[in-house]
Amino acid sequence: MEWFENETFWRELYPYMFPVERMEAAPAQVEHVLALAGCTQGAVLDLCCGPGRHSVGFARRGFQVTGVDRTQFLLDRASERAAAAGVNVEWVREDMRRFQRANAFDLVCSLFTSFGYFQQDSEELLVLQNVCQSLKPGGVLILEMLGKEWLAREWKDAISTDFPDGTLLLQRVRMNSEWSRILNQWYLLKEGRYRTFEFEHTVYSGRELKDRMLQAGFERVDLFGDLSGAPYGLNAKRLVAVARKAR
């Protein structure tokens, strides 16, 4: 079992990966995504949708939304969120390496570093090829993630975070595979007991991500430093790639 296939991982870390402030940031992020894509209507695929915070945001704006994730626990939370918001979203439990619907979507997004989980470059390319095939002609893919340039500039061996419920989260990181993958070791201390979680994913530079998206068949790729469209330069906080399929 790969780390992202473990339901316990997501269940135990859910409150710390998706705190209230992260949920509350979703509507503004959806607005930024739509502005970057230039999309005002149509069908949206939220790939690796997690608890559905962006899926629900798109649905509230009148889009036809499909949320895909391979973790049932997260899809259950997403379904609850959609029901509370009074919107309809199609939830699909599937691995992003297998999901494809030819010419079905105007916009695909994958946010919060939800791309790069797989160890083989061929699997990463397959995901992008599937997305390209799933987009309508002229459709747009937006990926938002941690960028390698920022990571190198702001590197910390460990980060400690205190949460309102008294939990302490210690994150230790190191780079593997010639600085291409980051190994995360999280220690969760709560009520005098701690649990350890370990996961690894690929970290892309802007150039590496752009090249891979072009290789997958996209006609054009533009890079930004955040979802608001800031330049991807020295002060970029995130890596945002906007890829367009040929018409």
C-alpha atoms as a PDB file:
ATOM      1  CA  MET A   1       0.000   0.000   0.000  1.00  0.00           C
ATOM      2  CA  GLU A   2       1.293   3.436  -0.949  1.00  0.00           C
ATOM      3  CA  TRP A   3       0.976   6.157   1.699  1.00  0.00           C
ATOM      4  CA  PHE A   4      -1.862   7.999  -0.050  1.00  0.00           C
ATOM      5  CA  GLU A   5      -3.932   4.794  -0.184  1.00  0.00           C
ATOM      6  CA  ASN A   6      -4.045   4.585   3.615  1.00  0.00           C
ATOM      7  CA  GLU A   7      -7.423   5.866   4.852  1.00  0.00           C
ATOM      8  CA  THR A   8      -6.072   6.108   8.407  1.00  0.00           C
ATOM      9  CA  PHE A   9      -3.476   8.644   7.258  1.00  0.00           C
ATOM     10  CA  TRP A  10      -6.170  11.030   6.005  1.00  0.00           C
ATOM     11  CA  ARG A  11      -8.531  10.379   8.898  1.00  0.00           C
ATOM     12  CA  GLU A  12      -5.923  11.066  11.587  1.00  0.00           C
ATOM     13  CA  LEU A  13      -4.356  14.114   9.910  1.00  0.00           C
ATOM     14  CA  TYR A  14      -7.574  15.626   8.564  1.00  0.00           C
ATOM     15  CA  PRO A  15      -7.979  18.318  11.292  1.00  0.00           C
ATOM     16  CA  TYR A  16      -4.389  19.471  10.766  1.00  0.00           C
ATOM     17  CA  MET A  17      -4.306  19.358   6.976  1.00  0.00           C
ATOM     18  CA  PHE A  18      -7.691  21.074   6.659  1.00  0.00           C
ATOM     19  CA  PRO A  19      -8.082  23.523   9.558  1.00  0.00           C
ATOM     20  CA  VAL A  20     -10.898  26.073   9.564  1.00  0.00           C
ATOM     21  CA  GLU A  21      -8.798  28.859   8.067  1.00  0.00           C
ATOM     22  CA  ARG A  22      -7.838  26.649   5.101  1.00  0.00           C
ATOM     23  CA  MET A  23     -11.481  25.827   4.469  1.00  0.00           C
ATOM     24  CA  GLU A  24     -12.437  29.503   4.683  1.00  0.00           C
ATOM     25  CA  ALA A  25      -9.802  30.405   2.077  1.00  0.00           C
ATOM     26  CA  ALA A  26     -11.421  28.193  -0.584  1.00  0.00           C
ATOM     27  CA  PRO A  27     -13.988  30.676  -2.021  1.00  0.00           C
ATOM     28  CA  ALA A  28     -11.307  33.266  -2.797  1.00  0.00           C
ATOM     29  CA  GLN A  29      -9.100  30.556  -4.317  1.00  0.00           C
ATOM     30  CA  VAL A  30     -11.945  29.451  -6.573  1.00  0.00           C
ATOM     31  CA  GLU A  31     -12.382  33.043  -7.757  1.00  0.00           C
ATOM     32  CA  HIS A  32      -8.667  33.233  -8.581  1.00  0.00           C
ATOM     33  CA  VAL A  33      -8.711  29.913 -10.444  1.00  0.00           C
ATOM     34  CA  LEU A  34     -11.626  31.030 -12.605  1.00  0.00           C
ATOM     35  CA  ALA A  35      -9.898  34.330 -13.371  1.00  0.00           C
ATOM     36  CA  LEU A  36      -6.663  32.586 -14.376  1.00  0.00           C
ATOM     37  CA  ALA A  37      -8.560  30.131 -16.575  1.00  0.00           C
ATOM     38  CA  GLY A  38     -10.829  32.771 -18.079  1.00  0.00           C
ATOM     39  CA  CYS A  39     -13.719  30.392 -17.447  1.00  0.00           C
ATOM     40  CA  THR A  40     -17.244  31.635 -16.692  1.00  0.00           C
ATOM     41  CA  GLN A  41     -19.373  28.524 -17.233  1.00  0.00           C
ATOM     42  CA  GLY A  42     -19.257  24.844 -18.070  1.00  0.00           C
ATOM     43  CA  ALA A  43     -17.936  21.625 -16.553  1.00  0.00           C
ATOM     44  CA  VAL A  44     -15.182  21.507 -13.947  1.00  0.00           C
ATOM     45  CA  LEU A  45     -13.116  18.552 -12.739  1.00  0.00           C
ATOM     46  CA  ASP A  46     -11.613  18.927  -9.267  1.00  0.00           C
ATOM     47  CA  LEU A  47      -8.900  16.258  -9.367  1.00  0.00           C
ATOM     48  CA  CYS A  48      -7.837  14.964  -5.945  1.00  0.00           C
ATOM     49  CA  CYS A  49     -10.694  17.010  -4.528  1.00  0.00           C
ATOM     50  CA  GLY A  50     -10.116  15.970  -0.907  1.00  0.00           C
ATOM     51  CA  PRO A  51     -12.937  17.261   1.347  1.00  0.00           C
ATOM     52  CA  GLY A  52     -14.484  19.167  -1.549  1.00  0.00           C
ATOM     53  CA  ARG A  53     -13.810  22.731  -0.447  1.00  0.00           C
ATOM     54  CA  HIS A  54     -13.108  23.883  -4.023  1.00  0.00           C
ATOM     55  CA  SER A  55     -15.655  21.585  -5.659  1.00  0.00           C
ATOM     56  CA  VAL A  56     -18.420  23.144  -3.594  1.00  0.00           C
ATOM     57  CA  GLY A  57     -17.133  26.618  -4.438  1.00  0.00           C
ATOM     58  CA  PHE A  58     -17.354  25.910  -8.174  1.00  0.00           C
ATOM     59  CA  ALA A  59     -20.820  24.404  -7.803  1.00  0.00           C
ATOM     60  CA  ARG A  60     -22.045  27.495  -5.925  1.00  0.00           C
ATOM     61  CA  ARG A  61     -21.072  29.526  -8.984  1.00  0.00           C
ATOM     62  CA  GLY A  62     -23.222  27.422 -11.275  1.00  0.00           C
ATOM     63  CA  PHE A  63     -20.613  25.075 -12.746  1.00  0.00           C
ATOM     64  CA  GLN A  64     -21.238  21.370 -13.356  1.00  0.00           C
ATOM     65  CA  VAL A  65     -18.680  19.830 -11.027  1.00  0.00           C
ATOM     66  CA  THR A  66     -17.067  16.413 -10.754  1.00  0.00           C
ATOM     67  CA  GLY A  67     -14.837  15.755  -7.757  1.00  0.00           C
ATOM     68  CA  VAL A  68     -12.431  12.816  -8.012  1.00  0.00           C
ATOM     69  CA  ASP A  69     -10.474  11.334  -5.123  1.00  0.00           C
ATOM     70  CA  ARG A  70      -9.359   7.827  -4.239  1.00  0.00           C
ATOM     71  CA  THR A  71     -10.002   8.203  -0.477  1.00  0.00           C
ATOM     72  CA  GLN A  72     -13.528   7.392   0.679  1.00  0.00           C
ATOM     73  CA  PHE A  73     -13.094   9.213   3.984  1.00  0.00           C
ATOM     74  CA  LEU A  74     -12.373  12.481   2.158  1.00  0.00           C
ATOM     75  CA  LEU A  75     -15.213  11.940  -0.322  1.00  0.00           C
ATOM     76  CA  ASP A  76     -17.602  11.435   2.596  1.00  0.00           C
ATOM     77  CA  ARG A  77     -16.520  14.780   4.057  1.00  0.00           C
ATOM     78  CA  ALA A  78     -16.931  16.360   0.616  1.00  0.00           C
ATOM     79  CA  SER A  79     -20.436  14.961   0.229  1.00  0.00           C
ATOM     80  CA  GLU A  80     -21.395  16.356   3.633  1.00  0.00           C
ATOM     81  CA  ARG A  81     -20.044  19.763   2.647  1.00  0.00           C
ATOM     82  CA  ALA A  82     -22.003  19.789  -0.608  1.00  0.00           C
ATOM     83  CA  ALA A  83     -25.220  18.767   1.168  1.00  0.00           C
ATOM     84  CA  ALA A  84     -24.765  21.531   3.739  1.00  0.00           C
ATOM     85  CA  ALA A  85     -24.230  24.052   0.928  1.00  0.00           C
ATOM     86  CA  GLY A  86     -27.246  22.796  -1.022  1.00  0.00           C
ATOM     87  CA  VAL A  87     -25.299  22.084  -4.216  1.00  0.00           C
ATOM     88  CA  ASN A  88     -24.990  19.069  -6.477  1.00  0.00           C
ATOM     89  CA  VAL A  89     -21.545  17.610  -7.166  1.00  0.00           C
ATOM     90  CA  GLU A  90     -20.703  14.295  -8.785  1.00  0.00           C
ATOM     91  CA  TRP A  91     -18.281  12.477  -6.483  1.00  0.00           C
ATOM     92  CA  VAL A  92     -16.119   9.747  -8.021  1.00  0.00           C
ATOM     93  CA  ARG A  93     -13.821   7.424  -6.116  1.00  0.00           C
ATOM     94  CA  GLU A  94     -10.952   6.692  -8.499  1.00  0.00           C
ATOM     95  CA  ASP A  95      -7.183   6.824  -8.809  1.00  0.00           C
ATOM     96  CA  MET A  96      -6.083   9.854 -10.831  1.00  0.00           C
ATOM     97  CA  ARG A  97      -3.908   7.548 -12.944  1.00  0.00           C
ATOM     98  CA  ARG A  98      -7.056   5.826 -14.219  1.00  0.00           C
ATOM     99  CA  PHE A  99      -9.665   8.578 -14.415  1.00  0.00           C
ATOM    100  CA  GLN A 100     -10.350   9.876 -17.925  1.00  0.00           C
ATOM    101  CA  ARG A 101     -13.428  11.245 -19.753  1.00  0.00           C
ATOM    102  CA  ALA A 102     -12.743  12.278 -23.303  1.00  0.00           C
ATOM    103  CA  ASN A 103     -13.533  15.936 -24.115  1.00  0.00           C
ATOM    104  CA  ALA A 104     -15.735  16.301 -21.007  1.00  0.00           C
ATOM    105  CA  PHE A 105     -14.416  19.333 -19.086  1.00  0.00           C
ATOM    106  CA  ASP A 106     -13.817  23.017 -19.687  1.00  0.00           C
ATOM    107  CA  LEU A 107     -11.570  23.311 -16.633  1.00  0.00           C
ATOM    108  CA  VAL A 108      -9.549  20.854 -14.558  1.00  0.00           C
ATOM    109  CA  CYS A 109      -7.814  21.900 -11.358  1.00  0.00           C
ATOM    110  CA  SER A 110      -5.606  20.109  -8.875  1.00  0.00           C
ATOM    111  CA  LEU A 111      -4.752  22.294  -5.896  1.00  0.00           C
ATOM    112  CA  PHE A 112      -2.856  22.130  -2.583  1.00  0.00           C
ATOM    113  CA  THR A 113       0.089  20.042  -3.894  1.00  0.00           C
ATOM    114  CA  SER A 114      -2.113  17.142  -4.977  1.00  0.00           C
ATOM    115  CA  PHE A 115       0.098  16.257  -7.952  1.00  0.00           C
ATOM    116  CA  GLY A 116       3.455  14.484  -7.708  1.00  0.00           C
ATOM    117  CA  TYR A 117       2.569  11.537  -5.467  1.00  0.00           C
ATOM    118  CA  PHE A 118       3.917   8.830  -7.772  1.00  0.00           C
ATOM    119  CA  GLN A 119       7.493   7.584  -7.860  1.00  0.00           C
ATOM    120  CA  GLN A 120       7.627   6.857 -11.593  1.00  0.00           C
ATOM    121  CA  ASP A 121       7.866   9.744 -14.062  1.00  0.00           C
ATOM    122  CA  SER A 122       5.736   7.703 -16.461  1.00  0.00           C
ATOM    123  CA  GLU A 123       2.858   7.708 -13.952  1.00  0.00           C
ATOM    124  CA  GLU A 124       3.047  11.471 -13.514  1.00  0.00           C
ATOM    125  CA  LEU A 125       2.986  11.884 -17.286  1.00  0.00           C
ATOM    126  CA  LEU A 126       0.033   9.496 -17.556  1.00  0.00           C
ATOM    127  CA  VAL A 127      -2.023  11.669 -15.187  1.00  0.00           C
ATOM    128  CA  LEU A 128      -1.349  14.759 -17.293  1.00  0.00           C
ATOM    129  CA  GLN A 129      -2.147  12.891 -20.514  1.00  0.00           C
ATOM    130  CA  ASN A 130      -5.435  11.698 -19.004  1.00  0.00           C
ATOM    131  CA  VAL A 131      -6.293  15.280 -18.063  1.00  0.00           C
ATOM    132  CA  CYS A 132      -5.434  16.564 -21.524  1.00  0.00           C
ATOM    133  CA  GLN A 133      -7.699  13.935 -23.061  1.00  0.00           C
ATOM    134  CA  SER A 134     -10.479  14.791 -20.593  1.00  0.00           C
ATOM    135  CA  LEU A 135     -10.450  18.491 -21.453  1.00  0.00           C
ATOM    136  CA  LYS A 136     -12.529  19.905 -24.275  1.00  0.00           C
ATOM    137  CA  PRO A 137     -10.592  21.656 -27.083  1.00  0.00           C
ATOM    138  CA  GLY A 138      -9.364  24.940 -25.641  1.00  0.00           C
ATOM    139  CA  GLY A 139      -9.845  23.672 -22.079  1.00  0.00           C
ATOM    140  CA  VAL A 140      -7.575  24.641 -19.200  1.00  0.00           C
ATOM    141  CA  LEU A 141      -5.686  22.728 -16.491  1.00  0.00           C
ATOM    142  CA  ILE A 142      -4.517  24.556 -13.362  1.00  0.00           C
ATOM    143  CA  LEU A 143      -2.036  22.919 -10.989  1.00  0.00           C
ATOM    144  CA  GLU A 144      -1.112  24.629  -7.691  1.00  0.00           C
ATOM    145  CA  MET A 145       1.667  23.270  -5.517  1.00  0.00           C
ATOM    146  CA  LEU A 146       4.812  23.797  -3.501  1.00  0.00           C
ATOM    147  CA  GLY A 147       7.617  24.822  -5.860  1.00  0.00           C
ATOM    148  CA  LYS A 148      11.196  23.618  -5.697  1.00  0.00           C
ATOM    149  CA  GLU A 149      12.610  27.143  -5.987  1.00  0.00           C
ATOM    150  CA  TRP A 150      10.692  28.334  -2.910  1.00  0.00           C
ATOM    151  CA  LEU A 151      11.591  25.182  -0.998  1.00  0.00           C
ATOM    152  CA  ALA A 152      15.303  25.662  -1.663  1.00  0.00           C
ATOM    153  CA  ARG A 153      15.162  29.326  -0.640  1.00  0.00           C
ATOM    154  CA  GLU A 154      13.102  28.826   2.534  1.00  0.00           C
ATOM    155  CA  TRP A 155      14.388  25.395   3.562  1.00  0.00           C
ATOM    156  CA  LYS A 156      13.826  24.334   7.187  1.00  0.00           C
ATOM    157  CA  ASP A 157      14.803  20.947   8.571  1.00  0.00           C
ATOM    158  CA  ALA A 158      11.849  20.974  10.954  1.00  0.00           C
ATOM    159  CA  ILE A 159       8.658  22.959  11.544  1.00  0.00           C
ATOM    160  CA  SER A 160       6.658  22.917  14.784  1.00  0.00           C
ATOM    161  CA  THR A 161       2.979  23.941  14.871  1.00  0.00           C
ATOM    162  CA  ASP A 162       0.651  24.284  17.875  1.00  0.00           C
ATOM    163  CA  PHE A 163      -3.085  23.820  17.279  1.00  0.00           C
ATOM    164  CA  PRO A 164      -5.967  25.240  19.351  1.00  0.00           C
ATOM    165  CA  ASP A 165      -6.936  21.775  20.646  1.00  0.00           C
ATOM    166  CA  GLY A 166      -3.499  21.412  22.286  1.00  0.00           C
ATOM    167  CA  THR A 167      -2.029  19.184  19.588  1.00  0.00           C
ATOM    168  CA  LEU A 168       1.599  19.688  18.593  1.00  0.00           C
ATOM    169  CA  LEU A 169       2.609  18.802  15.035  1.00  0.00           C
ATOM    170  CA  LEU A 170       6.321  18.430  14.317  1.00  0.00           C
ATOM    171  CA  GLN A 171       7.249  18.176  10.638  1.00  0.00           C
ATOM    172  CA  ARG A 172      10.716  16.946   9.652  1.00  0.00           C
ATOM    173  CA  VAL A 173      11.738  16.906   6.000  1.00  0.00           C
ATOM    174  CA  ARG A 174      14.601  15.777   3.813  1.00  0.00           C
ATOM    175  CA  MET A 175      15.209  15.608   0.076  1.00  0.00           C
ATOM    176  CA  ASN A 176      15.695  12.307  -1.746  1.00  0.00           C
ATOM    177  CA  SER A 177      16.422  11.176  -5.308  1.00  0.00           C
ATOM    178  CA  GLU A 178      18.869  13.932  -6.272  1.00  0.00           C
ATOM    179  CA  TRP A 179      16.635  16.682  -4.897  1.00  0.00           C
ATOM    180  CA  SER A 180      13.571  15.566  -6.814  1.00  0.00           C
ATOM    181  CA  ARG A 181      11.408  14.102  -4.008  1.00  0.00           C
ATOM    182  CA  ILE A 182      10.703  15.325  -0.494  1.00  0.00           C
ATOM    183  CA  LEU A 183      10.292  12.917   2.430  1.00  0.00           C
ATOM    184  CA  ASN A 184       7.991  14.220   5.147  1.00  0.00           C
ATOM    185  CA  GLN A 185       7.984  12.772   8.661  1.00  0.00           C
ATOM    186  CA  TRP A 186       5.144  14.108  10.806  1.00  0.00           C
ATOM    187  CA  TYR A 187       4.986  13.568  14.563  1.00  0.00           C
ATOM    188  CA  LEU A 188       1.573  14.257  16.064  1.00  0.00           C
ATOM    189  CA  LEU A 189       1.631  14.777  19.856  1.00  0.00           C
ATOM    190  CA  LYS A 190      -1.795  14.865  21.510  1.00  0.00           C
ATOM    191  CA  GLU A 191      -2.809  14.222  25.125  1.00  0.00           C
ATOM    192  CA  GLY A 192       0.591  12.822  26.013  1.00  0.00           C
ATOM    193  CA  ARG A 193       0.715  10.355  23.132  1.00  0.00           C
ATOM    194  CA  TYR A 194       2.226  10.690  19.692  1.00  0.00           C
ATOM    195  CA  ARG A 195       1.798   9.076  16.303  1.00  0.00           C
ATOM    196  CA  THR A 196       4.210   9.124  13.383  1.00  0.00           C
ATOM    197  CA  PHE A 197       3.289   9.483   9.712  1.00  0.00           C
ATOM    198  CA  GLU A 198       5.625   9.382   6.726  1.00  0.00           C
ATOM    199  CA  PHE A 199       4.935  10.358   3.130  1.00  0.00           C
ATOM    200  CA  GLU A 200       6.903  11.337   0.044  1.00  0.00           C
ATOM    201  CA  HIS A 201       6.142  13.246  -3.145  1.00  0.00           C
ATOM    202  CA  THR A 202       7.885  14.842  -6.103  1.00  0.00           C
ATOM    203  CA  VAL A 203       8.801  18.529  -5.945  1.00  0.00           C
ATOM    204  CA  TYR A 204       8.889  20.337  -9.283  1.00  0.00           C
ATOM    205  CA  SER A 205      10.685  23.449 -10.384  1.00  0.00           C
ATOM    206  CA  GLY A 206       8.727  25.692 -12.703  1.00  0.00           C
ATOM    207  CA  ARG A 207      10.737  24.549 -15.721  1.00  0.00           C
ATOM    208  CA  GLU A 208      10.357  20.848 -14.849  1.00  0.00           C
ATOM    209  CA  LEU A 209       6.600  21.113 -14.449  1.00  0.00           C
ATOM    210  CA  LYS A 210       6.160  23.145 -17.619  1.00  0.00           C
ATOM    211  CA  ASP A 211       8.207  20.670 -19.666  1.00  0.00           C
ATOM    212  CA  ARG A 212       6.188  17.731 -18.356  1.00  0.00           C
ATOM    213  CA  MET A 213       2.884  19.401 -19.189  1.00  0.00           C
ATOM    214  CA  LEU A 214       4.025  20.229 -22.701  1.00  0.00           C
ATOM    215  CA  GLN A 215       5.210  16.631 -23.105  1.00  0.00           C
ATOM    216  CA  ALA A 216       1.693  15.486 -22.120  1.00  0.00           C
ATOM    217  CA  GLY A 217       0.219  17.338 -25.092  1.00  0.00           C
ATOM    218  CA  PHE A 218      -0.739  20.792 -23.847  1.00  0.00           C
ATOM    219  CA  GLU A 219      -0.271  23.586 -26.351  1.00  0.00           C
ATOM    220  CA  ARG A 220       0.783  26.327 -23.919  1.00  0.00           C
ATOM    221  CA  VAL A 221       1.825  26.535 -20.259  1.00  0.00           C
ATOM    222  CA  ASP A 222       2.126  29.742 -18.209  1.00  0.00           C
ATOM    223  CA  LEU A 223       3.610  29.881 -14.705  1.00  0.00           C
ATOM    224  CA  PHE A 224       2.533  32.088 -11.799  1.00  0.00           C
ATOM    225  CA  GLY A 225       3.683  32.610  -8.218  1.00  0.00           C
ATOM    226  CA  ASP A 226       0.254  32.250  -6.631  1.00  0.00           C
ATOM    227  CA  LEU A 227      -3.392  31.832  -7.602  1.00  0.00           C
ATOM    228  CA  SER A 228      -3.876  35.584  -7.853  1.00  0.00           C
ATOM    229  CA  GLY A 229      -1.551  35.593 -10.885  1.00  0.00           C
ATOM    230  CA  ALA A 230       1.637  37.016  -9.378  1.00  0.00           C
ATOM    231  CA  PRO A 231       4.796  36.414 -11.472  1.00  0.00           C
ATOM    232  CA  TYR A 232       6.714  33.198 -10.925  1.00  0.00           C
ATOM    233  CA  GLY A 233       9.948  34.762  -9.748  1.00  0.00           C
ATOM    234  CA  LEU A 234      12.170  35.247  -6.732  1.00  0.00           C
ATOM    235  CA  ASN A 235       9.276  36.080  -4.394  1.00  0.00           C
ATOM    236  CA  ALA A 236       6.889  33.372  -5.579  1.00  0.00           C
ATOM    237  CA  LYS A 237       5.201  31.593  -2.665  1.00  0.00           C
ATOM    238  CA  ARG A 238       3.621  28.809  -4.728  1.00  0.00           C
ATOM    239  CA  LEU A 239       4.026  27.220  -8.138  1.00  0.00           C
ATOM    240  CA  VAL A 240       0.904  27.632 -10.266  1.00  0.00           C
ATOM    241  CA  ALA A 241       0.842  26.246 -13.817  1.00  0.00           C
ATOM    242  CA  VAL A 242      -1.917  27.151 -16.264  1.00  0.00           C
ATOM    243  CA  ALA A 243      -1.911  24.750 -19.218  1.00  0.00           C
ATOM    244  CA  ARG A 244      -4.151  25.145 -22.268  1.00  0.00           C
ATOM    245  CA  LYS A 245      -5.240  22.423 -24.659  1.00  0.00           C
ATOM    246  CA  ALA A 246      -5.261  23.250 -28.361  1.00  0.00           C
ATOM    247  CA  ARG A 247      -8.609  24.210 -29.854  1.00  0.00           C
END
